Amino acid sequence: VDPNGSISVNWGVTGLPETFIVDGDGTVVYRHFGPVLPAQRE
């Protein structure tokens, strides 16, 4: 839970939804702003 938005601020979230991909080493490698739509799934 992020009741006051502090986790989101640290991630630089600008709107919902947002999804980040973190690689196996713990490094952020991609940011997707907005919904991941069925047409974007692949």
Full PDB file with SEQRES, HELIX, SHEET, SSBOND, CRYST1, ORIGX, SCALE, CONECT and MASTER records, all heavy atoms in Angstrom:
SEQRES   1 A   42  VAL ASP PRO ASN GLY SER ILE SER VAL ASN TRP GLY VAL          
SEQRES   2 A   42  THR GLY LEU PRO GLU THR PHE ILE VAL ASP GLY ASP GLY          
SEQRES   3 A   42  THR VAL VAL TYR ARG HIS PHE GLY PRO VAL LEU PRO ALA          
SEQRES   4 A   42  GLN ARG GLU                                                  
HELIX    1 AA1 SER A    6  TRP A   11  1                                   6    
HELIX    2 AA2 PRO A   38  GLN A   40  5                                   3    
SHEET    1 AA1 2 GLU A  18  VAL A  22  0                                        
SHEET    2 AA1 2 VAL A  28  PHE A  33 -1                                        
CRYST1    1.000    1.000    1.000  90.00  90.00  90.00 P 1           1          
ORIGX1      1.000000  0.000000  0.000000        0.00000                         
ORIGX2      0.000000  1.000000  0.000000        0.00000                         
ORIGX3      0.000000  0.000000  1.000000        0.00000                         
SCALE1      1.000000  0.000000  0.000000        0.00000                         
SCALE2      0.000000  1.000000  0.000000        0.00000                         
SCALE3      0.000000  0.000000  1.000000        0.00000                         
ATOM      1  N   VAL A   1       0.860  -1.187   0.000  1.00  0.00           N  
ATOM      2  CA  VAL A   1       0.000   0.000   0.000  1.00  0.00           C  
ATOM      3  C   VAL A   1       0.893   1.232   0.000  1.00  0.00           C  
ATOM      4  O   VAL A   1       1.965   1.245   0.595  1.00  0.00           O  
ATOM      5  CB  VAL A   1      -0.975   0.020   1.200  1.00  0.00           C  
ATOM      6  CG1 VAL A   1      -1.984  -1.101   1.096  1.00  0.00           C  
ATOM      7  CG2 VAL A   1      -0.246  -0.039   2.520  1.00  0.00           C  
ATOM      8  N   ASP A   2       0.450   2.249  -0.711  1.00  0.00           N  
ATOM      9  CA  ASP A   2       1.175   3.521  -0.809  1.00  0.00           C  
ATOM     10  C   ASP A   2       0.191   4.643  -0.476  1.00  0.00           C  
ATOM     11  O   ASP A   2      -0.230   5.391  -1.357  1.00  0.00           O  
ATOM     12  CB  ASP A   2       1.745   3.669  -2.225  1.00  0.00           C  
ATOM     13  CG  ASP A   2       2.721   4.826  -2.353  1.00  0.00           C  
ATOM     14  OD1 ASP A   2       3.155   5.373  -1.320  1.00  0.00           O  
ATOM     15  OD2 ASP A   2       3.040   5.186  -3.499  1.00  0.00           O  
ATOM     16  N   PRO A   3      -0.212   4.735   0.812  1.00  0.00           N  
ATOM     17  CA  PRO A   3      -1.299   5.644   1.173  1.00  0.00           C  
ATOM     18  C   PRO A   3      -1.006   7.120   0.940  1.00  0.00           C  
ATOM     19  O   PRO A   3      -1.899   7.883   0.627  1.00  0.00           O  
ATOM     20  CB  PRO A   3      -1.530   5.353   2.657  1.00  0.00           C  
ATOM     21  CG  PRO A   3      -0.246   4.783   3.145  1.00  0.00           C  
ATOM     22  CD  PRO A   3       0.342   4.048   1.970  1.00  0.00           C  
ATOM     23  N   ASN A   4       0.248   7.521   1.071  1.00  0.00           N  
ATOM     24  CA  ASN A   4       0.582   8.931   0.889  1.00  0.00           C  
ATOM     25  C   ASN A   4       1.371   9.199  -0.394  1.00  0.00           C  
ATOM     26  O   ASN A   4       1.784  10.320  -0.645  1.00  0.00           O  
ATOM     27  CB  ASN A   4       1.345   9.470   2.104  1.00  0.00           C  
ATOM     28  CG  ASN A   4       2.655   8.738   2.328  1.00  0.00           C  
ATOM     29  OD1 ASN A   4       3.067   7.917   1.511  1.00  0.00           O  
ATOM     30  ND2 ASN A   4       3.303   9.030   3.444  1.00  0.00           N  
ATOM     31  N   GLY A   5       1.601   8.182  -1.201  1.00  0.00           N  
ATOM     32  CA  GLY A   5       2.286   8.355  -2.482  1.00  0.00           C  
ATOM     33  C   GLY A   5       3.800   8.407  -2.413  1.00  0.00           C  
ATOM     34  O   GLY A   5       4.455   8.695  -3.409  1.00  0.00           O  
ATOM     35  N   SER A   6       4.401   8.089  -1.266  1.00  0.00           N  
ATOM     36  CA  SER A   6       5.857   8.207  -1.144  1.00  0.00           C  
ATOM     37  C   SER A   6       6.604   7.176  -1.991  1.00  0.00           C  
ATOM     38  O   SER A   6       7.649   7.482  -2.562  1.00  0.00           O  
ATOM     39  CB  SER A   6       6.288   8.110   0.322  1.00  0.00           C  
ATOM     40  OG  SER A   6       5.910   6.865   0.869  1.00  0.00           O  
ATOM     41  N   ILE A   7       6.082   5.954  -2.095  1.00  0.00           N  
ATOM     42  CA  ILE A   7       6.726   4.957  -2.955  1.00  0.00           C  
ATOM     43  C   ILE A   7       6.657   5.427  -4.406  1.00  0.00           C  
ATOM     44  O   ILE A   7       7.646   5.375  -5.146  1.00  0.00           O  
ATOM     45  CB  ILE A   7       6.071   3.566  -2.796  1.00  0.00           C  
ATOM     46  CG1 ILE A   7       6.237   3.034  -1.370  1.00  0.00           C  
ATOM     47  CG2 ILE A   7       6.652   2.584  -3.812  1.00  0.00           C  
ATOM     48  CD1 ILE A   7       5.455   1.758  -1.089  1.00  0.00           C  
ATOM     49  N   SER A   8       5.498   5.921  -4.793  1.00  0.00           N  
ATOM     50  CA  SER A   8       5.290   6.386  -6.166  1.00  0.00           C  
ATOM     51  C   SER A   8       6.201   7.551  -6.521  1.00  0.00           C  
ATOM     52  O   SER A   8       6.725   7.624  -7.641  1.00  0.00           O  
ATOM     53  CB  SER A   8       3.832   6.787  -6.360  1.00  0.00           C  
ATOM     54  OG  SER A   8       2.987   5.718  -6.024  1.00  0.00           O  
ATOM     55  N   VAL A   9       6.394   8.464  -5.590  1.00  0.00           N  
ATOM     56  CA  VAL A   9       7.289   9.606  -5.838  1.00  0.00           C  
ATOM     57  C   VAL A   9       8.700   9.107  -6.104  1.00  0.00           C  
ATOM     58  O   VAL A   9       9.375   9.565  -7.034  1.00  0.00           O  
ATOM     59  CB  VAL A   9       7.260  10.589  -4.649  1.00  0.00           C  
ATOM     60  CG1 VAL A   9       8.403  11.587  -4.724  1.00  0.00           C  
ATOM     61  CG2 VAL A   9       5.931  11.318  -4.596  1.00  0.00           C  
ATOM     62  N   ASN A  10       9.163   8.143  -5.313  1.00  0.00           N  
ATOM     63  CA  ASN A  10      10.513   7.617  -5.505  1.00  0.00           C  
ATOM     64  C   ASN A  10      10.689   6.931  -6.855  1.00  0.00           C  
ATOM     65  O   ASN A  10      11.792   6.870  -7.390  1.00  0.00           O  
ATOM     66  CB  ASN A  10      10.880   6.651  -4.376  1.00  0.00           C  
ATOM     67  CG  ASN A  10      11.047   7.363  -3.058  1.00  0.00           C  
ATOM     68  OD1 ASN A  10      11.325   8.553  -3.006  1.00  0.00           O  
ATOM     69  ND2 ASN A  10      10.852   6.645  -1.973  1.00  0.00           N  
ATOM     70  N   TRP A  11       9.604   6.414  -7.410  1.00  0.00           N  
ATOM     71  CA  TRP A  11       9.640   5.763  -8.723  1.00  0.00           C  
ATOM     72  C   TRP A  11       9.389   6.746  -9.863  1.00  0.00           C  
ATOM     73  O   TRP A  11       9.470   6.386 -11.029  1.00  0.00           O  
ATOM     74  CB  TRP A  11       8.634   4.622  -8.775  1.00  0.00           C  
ATOM     75  CG  TRP A  11       9.114   3.385  -8.083  1.00  0.00           C  
ATOM     76  CD1 TRP A  11       9.091   3.121  -6.750  1.00  0.00           C  
ATOM     77  CD2 TRP A  11       9.707   2.243  -8.702  1.00  0.00           C  
ATOM     78  NE1 TRP A  11       9.627   1.883  -6.501  1.00  0.00           N  
ATOM     79  CE2 TRP A  11      10.014   1.319  -7.689  1.00  0.00           C  
ATOM     80  CE3 TRP A  11       9.998   1.901 -10.020  1.00  0.00           C  
ATOM     81  CZ2 TRP A  11      10.609   0.090  -7.940  1.00  0.00           C  
ATOM     82  CZ3 TRP A  11      10.575   0.668 -10.277  1.00  0.00           C  
ATOM     83  CH2 TRP A  11      10.884  -0.220  -9.243  1.00  0.00           C  
ATOM     84  N   GLY A  12       9.012   7.985  -9.539  1.00  0.00           N  
ATOM     85  CA  GLY A  12       8.747   8.978 -10.577  1.00  0.00           C  
ATOM     86  C   GLY A  12       7.428   8.764 -11.291  1.00  0.00           C  
ATOM     87  O   GLY A  12       7.266   9.160 -12.444  1.00  0.00           O  
ATOM     88  N   VAL A  13       6.465   8.173 -10.602  1.00  0.00           N  
ATOM     89  CA  VAL A  13       5.160   7.900 -11.207  1.00  0.00           C  
ATOM     90  C   VAL A  13       4.452   9.227 -11.478  1.00  0.00           C  
ATOM     91  O   VAL A  13       4.379  10.088 -10.613  1.00  0.00           O  
ATOM     92  CB  VAL A  13       4.311   6.994 -10.291  1.00  0.00           C  
ATOM     93  CG1 VAL A  13       2.889   6.876 -10.798  1.00  0.00           C  
ATOM     94  CG2 VAL A  13       4.963   5.628 -10.180  1.00  0.00           C  
ATOM     95  N   THR A  14       3.937   9.357 -12.703  1.00  0.00           N  
ATOM     96  CA  THR A  14       3.238  10.576 -13.094  1.00  0.00           C  
ATOM     97  C   THR A  14       1.743  10.378 -13.287  1.00  0.00           C  
ATOM     98  O   THR A  14       1.011  11.341 -13.427  1.00  0.00           O  
ATOM     99  CB  THR A  14       3.837  11.148 -14.390  1.00  0.00           C  
ATOM    100  OG1 THR A  14       3.755  10.163 -15.416  1.00  0.00           O  
ATOM    101  CG2 THR A  14       5.290  11.555 -14.185  1.00  0.00           C  
ATOM    102  N   GLY A  15       1.293   9.153 -13.343  1.00  0.00           N  
ATOM    103  CA  GLY A  15      -0.125   8.853 -13.518  1.00  0.00           C  
ATOM    104  C   GLY A  15      -0.324   7.356 -13.460  1.00  0.00           C  
ATOM    105  O   GLY A  15       0.633   6.594 -13.539  1.00  0.00           O  
ATOM    106  N   LEU A  16      -1.574   6.964 -13.330  1.00  0.00           N  
ATOM    107  CA  LEU A  16      -1.864   5.534 -13.240  1.00  0.00           C  
ATOM    108  C   LEU A  16      -2.546   5.038 -14.496  1.00  0.00           C  
ATOM    109  O   LEU A  16      -3.289   5.798 -15.113  1.00  0.00           O  
ATOM    110  CB  LEU A  16      -2.766   5.249 -12.042  1.00  0.00           C  
ATOM    111  CG  LEU A  16      -2.193   5.538 -10.666  1.00  0.00           C  
ATOM    112  CD1 LEU A  16      -3.188   5.110  -9.597  1.00  0.00           C  
ATOM    113  CD2 LEU A  16      -0.863   4.867 -10.435  1.00  0.00           C  
ATOM    114  N   PRO A  17      -2.326   3.788 -14.821  1.00  0.00           N  
ATOM    115  CA  PRO A  17      -1.308   2.891 -14.277  1.00  0.00           C  
ATOM    116  C   PRO A  17       0.059   3.179 -14.879  1.00  0.00           C  
ATOM    117  O   PRO A  17       0.164   3.763 -15.957  1.00  0.00           O  
ATOM    118  CB  PRO A  17      -1.802   1.511 -14.701  1.00  0.00           C  
ATOM    119  CG  PRO A  17      -2.532   1.754 -15.988  1.00  0.00           C  
ATOM    120  CD  PRO A  17      -3.156   3.119 -15.839  1.00  0.00           C  
ATOM    121  N   GLU A  18       1.076   2.766 -14.192  1.00  0.00           N  
ATOM    122  CA  GLU A  18       2.452   2.762 -14.695  1.00  0.00           C  
ATOM    123  C   GLU A  18       3.079   1.437 -14.304  1.00  0.00           C  
ATOM    124  O   GLU A  18       2.851   0.945 -13.204  1.00  0.00           O  
ATOM    125  CB  GLU A  18       3.287   3.912 -14.132  1.00  0.00           C  
ATOM    126  CG  GLU A  18       3.077   5.202 -14.881  1.00  0.00           C  
ATOM    127  CD  GLU A  18       4.093   6.274 -14.556  1.00  0.00           C  
ATOM    128  OE1 GLU A  18       5.294   5.963 -14.425  1.00  0.00           O  
ATOM    129  OE2 GLU A  18       3.679   7.436 -14.429  1.00  0.00           O  
ATOM    130  N   THR A  19       3.856   0.891 -15.215  1.00  0.00           N  
ATOM    131  CA  THR A  19       4.507  -0.396 -14.972  1.00  0.00           C  
ATOM    132  C   THR A  19       5.979  -0.283 -15.340  1.00  0.00           C  
ATOM    133  O   THR A  19       6.317   0.246 -16.396  1.00  0.00           O  
ATOM    134  CB  THR A  19       3.839  -1.509 -15.810  1.00  0.00           C  
ATOM    135  OG1 THR A  19       2.436  -1.518 -15.515  1.00  0.00           O  
ATOM    136  CG2 THR A  19       4.435  -2.866 -15.495  1.00  0.00           C  
ATOM    137  N   PHE A  20       6.819  -0.773 -14.453  1.00  0.00           N  
ATOM    138  CA  PHE A  20       8.265  -0.773 -14.652  1.00  0.00           C  
ATOM    139  C   PHE A  20       8.755  -2.212 -14.763  1.00  0.00           C  
ATOM    140  O   PHE A  20       8.221  -3.100 -14.099  1.00  0.00           O  
ATOM    141  CB  PHE A  20       8.964  -0.102 -13.470  1.00  0.00           C  
ATOM    142  CG  PHE A  20       8.661   1.362 -13.334  1.00  0.00           C  
ATOM    143  CD1 PHE A  20       7.499   1.786 -12.713  1.00  0.00           C  
ATOM    144  CD2 PHE A  20       9.526   2.319 -13.841  1.00  0.00           C  
ATOM    145  CE1 PHE A  20       7.208   3.138 -12.583  1.00  0.00           C  
ATOM    146  CE2 PHE A  20       9.246   3.662 -13.719  1.00  0.00           C  
ATOM    147  CZ  PHE A  20       8.086   4.082 -13.088  1.00  0.00           C  
ATOM    148  N   ILE A  21       9.762  -2.402 -15.592  1.00  0.00           N  
ATOM    149  CA  ILE A  21      10.429  -3.699 -15.681  1.00  0.00           C  
ATOM    150  C   ILE A  21      11.779  -3.558 -14.991  1.00  0.00           C  
ATOM    151  O   ILE A  21      12.572  -2.668 -15.333  1.00  0.00           O  
ATOM    152  CB  ILE A  21      10.622  -4.145 -17.144  1.00  0.00           C  
ATOM    153  CG1 ILE A  21       9.270  -4.257 -17.853  1.00  0.00           C  
ATOM    154  CG2 ILE A  21      11.375  -5.476 -17.193  1.00  0.00           C  
ATOM    155  CD1 ILE A  21       9.382  -4.508 -19.354  1.00  0.00           C  
ATOM    156  N   VAL A  22      12.010  -4.430 -14.024  1.00  0.00           N  
ATOM    157  CA  VAL A  22      13.281  -4.469 -13.291  1.00  0.00           C  
ATOM    158  C   VAL A  22      13.960  -5.768 -13.690  1.00  0.00           C  
ATOM    159  O   VAL A  22      13.365  -6.848 -13.617  1.00  0.00           O  
ATOM    160  CB  VAL A  22      13.041  -4.415 -11.766  1.00  0.00           C  
ATOM    161  CG1 VAL A  22      14.362  -4.475 -11.006  1.00  0.00           C  
ATOM    162  CG2 VAL A  22      12.246  -3.164 -11.394  1.00  0.00           C  
ATOM    163  N   ASP A  23      15.217  -5.684 -14.145  1.00  0.00           N  
ATOM    164  CA  ASP A  23      15.905  -6.900 -14.606  1.00  0.00           C  
ATOM    165  C   ASP A  23      16.331  -7.775 -13.431  1.00  0.00           C  
ATOM    166  O   ASP A  23      16.134  -7.422 -12.257  1.00  0.00           O  
ATOM    167  CB  ASP A  23      17.069  -6.568 -15.542  1.00  0.00           C  
ATOM    168  CG  ASP A  23      18.270  -5.929 -14.844  1.00  0.00           C  
ATOM    169  OD1 ASP A  23      18.334  -5.885 -13.592  1.00  0.00           O  
ATOM    170  OD2 ASP A  23      19.174  -5.474 -15.569  1.00  0.00           O  
ATOM    171  N   GLY A  24      16.918  -8.907 -13.739  1.00  0.00           N  
ATOM    172  CA  GLY A  24      17.308  -9.889 -12.732  1.00  0.00           C  
ATOM    173  C   GLY A  24      18.361  -9.408 -11.756  1.00  0.00           C  
ATOM    174  O   GLY A  24      18.533  -9.995 -10.686  1.00  0.00           O  
ATOM    175  N   ASP A  25      19.061  -8.323 -12.110  1.00  0.00           N  
ATOM    176  CA  ASP A  25      20.066  -7.749 -11.211  1.00  0.00           C  
ATOM    177  C   ASP A  25      19.491  -6.648 -10.324  1.00  0.00           C  
ATOM    178  O   ASP A  25      20.212  -6.082  -9.508  1.00  0.00           O  
ATOM    179  CB  ASP A  25      21.232  -7.185 -12.020  1.00  0.00           C  
ATOM    180  CG  ASP A  25      21.998  -8.262 -12.761  1.00  0.00           C  
ATOM    181  OD1 ASP A  25      22.093  -9.389 -12.236  1.00  0.00           O  
ATOM    182  OD2 ASP A  25      22.490  -7.979 -13.869  1.00  0.00           O  
ATOM    183  N   GLY A  26      18.217  -6.298 -10.531  1.00  0.00           N  
ATOM    184  CA  GLY A  26      17.607  -5.239  -9.723  1.00  0.00           C  
ATOM    185  C   GLY A  26      17.707  -3.858 -10.339  1.00  0.00           C  
ATOM    186  O   GLY A  26      17.521  -2.855  -9.650  1.00  0.00           O  
ATOM    187  N   THR A  27      17.944  -3.783 -11.656  1.00  0.00           N  
ATOM    188  CA  THR A  27      18.071  -2.504 -12.349  1.00  0.00           C  
ATOM    189  C   THR A  27      16.802  -2.233 -13.160  1.00  0.00           C  
ATOM    190  O   THR A  27      16.307  -3.115 -13.862  1.00  0.00           O  
ATOM    191  CB  THR A  27      19.289  -2.528 -13.305  1.00  0.00           C  
ATOM    192  OG1 THR A  27      20.455  -2.796 -12.535  1.00  0.00           O  
ATOM    193  CG2 THR A  27      19.449  -1.215 -14.040  1.00  0.00           C  
ATOM    194  N   VAL A  28      16.293  -1.014 -13.071  1.00  0.00           N  
ATOM    195  CA  VAL A  28      15.129  -0.624 -13.865  1.00  0.00           C  
ATOM    196  C   VAL A  28      15.563  -0.535 -15.325  1.00  0.00           C  
ATOM    197  O   VAL A  28      16.525   0.159 -15.647  1.00  0.00           O  
ATOM    198  CB  VAL A  28      14.553   0.726 -13.400  1.00  0.00           C  
ATOM    199  CG1 VAL A  28      13.385   1.163 -14.288  1.00  0.00           C  
ATOM    200  CG2 VAL A  28      14.116   0.663 -11.939  1.00  0.00           C  
ATOM    201  N   VAL A  29      14.860  -1.253 -16.207  1.00  0.00           N  
ATOM    202  CA  VAL A  29      15.247  -1.258 -17.622  1.00  0.00           C  
ATOM    203  C   VAL A  29      14.164  -0.697 -18.547  1.00  0.00           C  
ATOM    204  O   VAL A  29      14.440  -0.410 -19.714  1.00  0.00           O  
ATOM    205  CB  VAL A  29      15.647  -2.674 -18.105  1.00  0.00           C  
ATOM    206  CG1 VAL A  29      16.912  -3.140 -17.389  1.00  0.00           C  
ATOM    207  CG2 VAL A  29      14.517  -3.670 -17.919  1.00  0.00           C  
ATOM    208  N   TYR A  30      12.933  -0.511 -18.043  1.00  0.00           N  
ATOM    209  CA  TYR A  30      11.865  -0.035 -18.916  1.00  0.00           C  
ATOM    210  C   TYR A  30      10.740   0.546 -18.077  1.00  0.00           C  
ATOM    211  O   TYR A  30      10.459   0.064 -16.970  1.00  0.00           O  
ATOM    212  CB  TYR A  30      11.323  -1.197 -19.757  1.00  0.00           C  
ATOM    213  CG  TYR A  30      10.290  -0.811 -20.796  1.00  0.00           C  
ATOM    214  CD1 TYR A  30      10.657  -0.225 -22.000  1.00  0.00           C  
ATOM    215  CD2 TYR A  30       8.939  -1.044 -20.567  1.00  0.00           C  
ATOM    216  CE1 TYR A  30       9.713   0.118 -22.953  1.00  0.00           C  
ATOM    217  CE2 TYR A  30       7.978  -0.708 -21.517  1.00  0.00           C  
ATOM    218  CZ  TYR A  30       8.374  -0.124 -22.709  1.00  0.00           C  
ATOM    219  OH  TYR A  30       7.432   0.217 -23.647  1.00  0.00           O  
ATOM    220  N   ARG A  31      10.088   1.565 -18.615  1.00  0.00           N  
ATOM    221  CA  ARG A  31       8.922   2.178 -17.974  1.00  0.00           C  
ATOM    222  C   ARG A  31       7.805   2.262 -19.007  1.00  0.00           C  
ATOM    223  O   ARG A  31       8.019   2.735 -20.124  1.00  0.00           O  
ATOM    224  CB  ARG A  31       9.278   3.569 -17.501  1.00  0.00           C  
ATOM    225  CG  ARG A  31       8.102   4.375 -16.987  1.00  0.00           C  
ATOM    226  CD  ARG A  31       8.525   5.807 -16.795  1.00  0.00           C  
ATOM    227  NE  ARG A  31       7.542   6.576 -16.087  1.00  0.00           N  
ATOM    228  CZ  ARG A  31       7.596   7.891 -16.003  1.00  0.00           C  
ATOM    229  NH1 ARG A  31       8.589   8.547 -16.561  1.00  0.00           N  
ATOM    230  NH2 ARG A  31       6.672   8.540 -15.353  1.00  0.00           N  
ATOM    231  N   HIS A  32       6.616   1.807 -18.629  1.00  0.00           N  
ATOM    232  CA  HIS A  32       5.450   1.899 -19.495  1.00  0.00           C  
ATOM    233  C   HIS A  32       4.419   2.773 -18.806  1.00  0.00           C  
ATOM    234  O   HIS A  32       3.914   2.432 -17.738  1.00  0.00           O  
ATOM    235  CB  HIS A  32       4.863   0.516 -19.774  1.00  0.00           C  
ATOM    236  CG  HIS A  32       3.740   0.544 -20.761  1.00  0.00           C  
ATOM    237  ND1 HIS A  32       3.943   0.432 -22.109  1.00  0.00           N  
ATOM    238  CD2 HIS A  32       2.403   0.696 -20.587  1.00  0.00           C  
ATOM    239  CE1 HIS A  32       2.783   0.494 -22.735  1.00  0.00           C  
ATOM    240  NE2 HIS A  32       1.827   0.663 -21.830  1.00  0.00           N  
ATOM    241  N   PHE A  33       4.109   3.899 -19.429  1.00  0.00           N  
ATOM    242  CA  PHE A  33       3.101   4.809 -18.888  1.00  0.00           C  
ATOM    243  C   PHE A  33       1.746   4.468 -19.497  1.00  0.00           C  
ATOM    244  O   PHE A  33       1.622   4.292 -20.696  1.00  0.00           O  
ATOM    245  CB  PHE A  33       3.462   6.261 -19.213  1.00  0.00           C  
ATOM    246  CG  PHE A  33       2.421   7.236 -18.771  1.00  0.00           C  
ATOM    247  CD1 PHE A  33       2.308   7.581 -17.447  1.00  0.00           C  
ATOM    248  CD2 PHE A  33       1.541   7.782 -19.684  1.00  0.00           C  
ATOM    249  CE1 PHE A  33       1.336   8.479 -17.023  1.00  0.00           C  
ATOM    250  CE2 PHE A  33       0.556   8.672 -19.276  1.00  0.00           C  
ATOM    251  CZ  PHE A  33       0.457   9.029 -17.946  1.00  0.00           C  
ATOM    252  N   GLY A  34       0.731   4.371 -18.666  1.00  0.00           N  
ATOM    253  CA  GLY A  34      -0.605   4.048 -19.137  1.00  0.00           C  
ATOM    254  C   GLY A  34      -0.828   2.555 -19.096  1.00  0.00           C  
ATOM    255  O   GLY A  34       0.048   1.779 -18.722  1.00  0.00           O  
ATOM    256  N   PRO A  35      -2.018   2.131 -19.492  1.00  0.00           N  
ATOM    257  CA  PRO A  35      -2.320   0.707 -19.417  1.00  0.00           C  
ATOM    258  C   PRO A  35      -1.554  -0.090 -20.461  1.00  0.00           C  
ATOM    259  O   PRO A  35      -1.342   0.369 -21.581  1.00  0.00           O  
ATOM    260  CB  PRO A  35      -3.830   0.647 -19.692  1.00  0.00           C  
ATOM    261  CG  PRO A  35      -4.117   1.870 -20.491  1.00  0.00           C  
ATOM    262  CD  PRO A  35      -3.159   2.916 -20.001  1.00  0.00           C  
ATOM    263  N   VAL A  36      -1.129  -1.275 -20.083  1.00  0.00           N  
ATOM    264  CA  VAL A  36      -0.575  -2.223 -21.053  1.00  0.00           C  
ATOM    265  C   VAL A  36      -1.802  -2.864 -21.704  1.00  0.00           C  
ATOM    266  O   VAL A  36      -2.495  -3.664 -21.080  1.00  0.00           O  
ATOM    267  CB  VAL A  36       0.316  -3.291 -20.378  1.00  0.00           C  
ATOM    268  CG1 VAL A  36       0.865  -4.244 -21.426  1.00  0.00           C  
ATOM    269  CG2 VAL A  36       1.451  -2.633 -19.602  1.00  0.00           C  
ATOM    270  N   LEU A  37      -2.075  -2.462 -22.932  1.00  0.00           N  
ATOM    271  CA  LEU A  37      -3.273  -2.907 -23.636  1.00  0.00           C  
ATOM    272  C   LEU A  37      -3.062  -4.287 -24.250  1.00  0.00           C  
ATOM    273  O   LEU A  37      -1.922  -4.684 -24.519  1.00  0.00           O  
ATOM    274  CB  LEU A  37      -3.646  -1.902 -24.714  1.00  0.00           C  
ATOM    275  CG  LEU A  37      -3.945  -0.488 -24.198  1.00  0.00           C  
ATOM    276  CD1 LEU A  37      -4.096   0.478 -25.361  1.00  0.00           C  
ATOM    277  CD2 LEU A  37      -5.187  -0.497 -23.326  1.00  0.00           C  
ATOM    278  N   PRO A  38      -4.142  -5.020 -24.497  1.00  0.00           N  
ATOM    279  CA  PRO A  38      -3.992  -6.336 -25.120  1.00  0.00           C  
ATOM    280  C   PRO A  38      -3.175  -6.293 -26.414  1.00  0.00           C  
ATOM    281  O   PRO A  38      -2.362  -7.184 -26.658  1.00  0.00           O  
ATOM    282  CB  PRO A  38      -5.441  -6.768 -25.380  1.00  0.00           C  
ATOM    283  CG  PRO A  38      -6.220  -6.090 -24.300  1.00  0.00           C  
ATOM    284  CD  PRO A  38      -5.544  -4.753 -24.123  1.00  0.00           C  
ATOM    285  N   ALA A  39      -3.348  -5.251 -27.212  1.00  0.00           N  
ATOM    286  CA  ALA A  39      -2.597  -5.148 -28.473  1.00  0.00           C  
ATOM    287  C   ALA A  39      -1.106  -4.913 -28.236  1.00  0.00           C  
ATOM    288  O   ALA A  39      -0.286  -5.148 -29.126  1.00  0.00           O  
ATOM    289  CB  ALA A  39      -3.170  -4.016 -29.328  1.00  0.00           C  
ATOM    290  N   GLN A  40      -0.737  -4.451 -27.050  1.00  0.00           N  
ATOM    291  CA  GLN A  40       0.670  -4.179 -26.715  1.00  0.00           C  
ATOM    292  C   GLN A  40       1.318  -5.329 -25.959  1.00  0.00           C  
ATOM    293  O   GLN A  40       2.503  -5.262 -25.644  1.00  0.00           O  
ATOM    294  CB  GLN A  40       0.762  -2.913 -25.855  1.00  0.00           C  
ATOM    295  CG  GLN A  40       0.245  -1.674 -26.526  1.00  0.00           C  
ATOM    296  CD  GLN A  40       0.101  -0.529 -25.545  1.00  0.00           C  
ATOM    297  OE1 GLN A  40      -0.347  -0.706 -24.412  1.00  0.00           O  
ATOM    298  NE2 GLN A  40       0.478   0.652 -25.979  1.00  0.00           N  
ATOM    299  N   ARG A  41       0.566  -6.352 -25.663  1.00  0.00           N  
ATOM    300  CA  ARG A  41       1.047  -7.434 -24.801  1.00  0.00           C  
ATOM    301  C   ARG A  41       2.333  -8.070 -25.324  1.00  0.00           C  
ATOM    302  O   ARG A  41       3.292  -8.249 -24.583  1.00  0.00           O  
ATOM    303  CB  ARG A  41      -0.046  -8.484 -24.647  1.00  0.00           C  
ATOM    304  CG  ARG A  41       0.366  -9.664 -23.821  1.00  0.00           C  
ATOM    305  CD  ARG A  41      -0.746 -10.657 -23.711  1.00  0.00           C  
ATOM    306  NE  ARG A  41      -0.195 -11.938 -23.320  1.00  0.00           N  
ATOM    307  CZ  ARG A  41      -0.924 -12.996 -23.125  1.00  0.00           C  
ATOM    308  NH1 ARG A  41      -2.224 -12.956 -23.285  1.00  0.00           N  
ATOM    309  NH2 ARG A  41      -0.353 -14.123 -22.770  1.00  0.00           N  
ATOM    310  N   GLU A  42       2.384  -8.423 -26.604  1.00  0.00           N  
ATOM    311  CA  GLU A  42       3.561  -9.100 -27.151  1.00  0.00           C  
ATOM    312  C   GLU A  42       4.783  -8.195 -27.145  1.00  0.00           C  
ATOM    313  O   GLU A  42       5.892  -8.636 -26.830  1.00  0.00           O  
ATOM    314  CB  GLU A  42       3.268  -9.639 -28.553  1.00  0.00           C  
ATOM    315  CG  GLU A  42       2.226 -10.748 -28.567  1.00  0.00           C  
ATOM    316  CD  GLU A  42       2.539 -11.904 -27.617  1.00  0.00           C  
ATOM    317  OE1 GLU A  42       3.698 -12.376 -27.599  1.00  0.00           O  
ATOM    318  OE2 GLU A  42       1.633 -12.340 -26.893  1.00  0.00           O  
TER     319      GLU A  42                                                      
MASTER        0    0    0    2    2    0    0    6  318    1    0    4          
END                                                                             
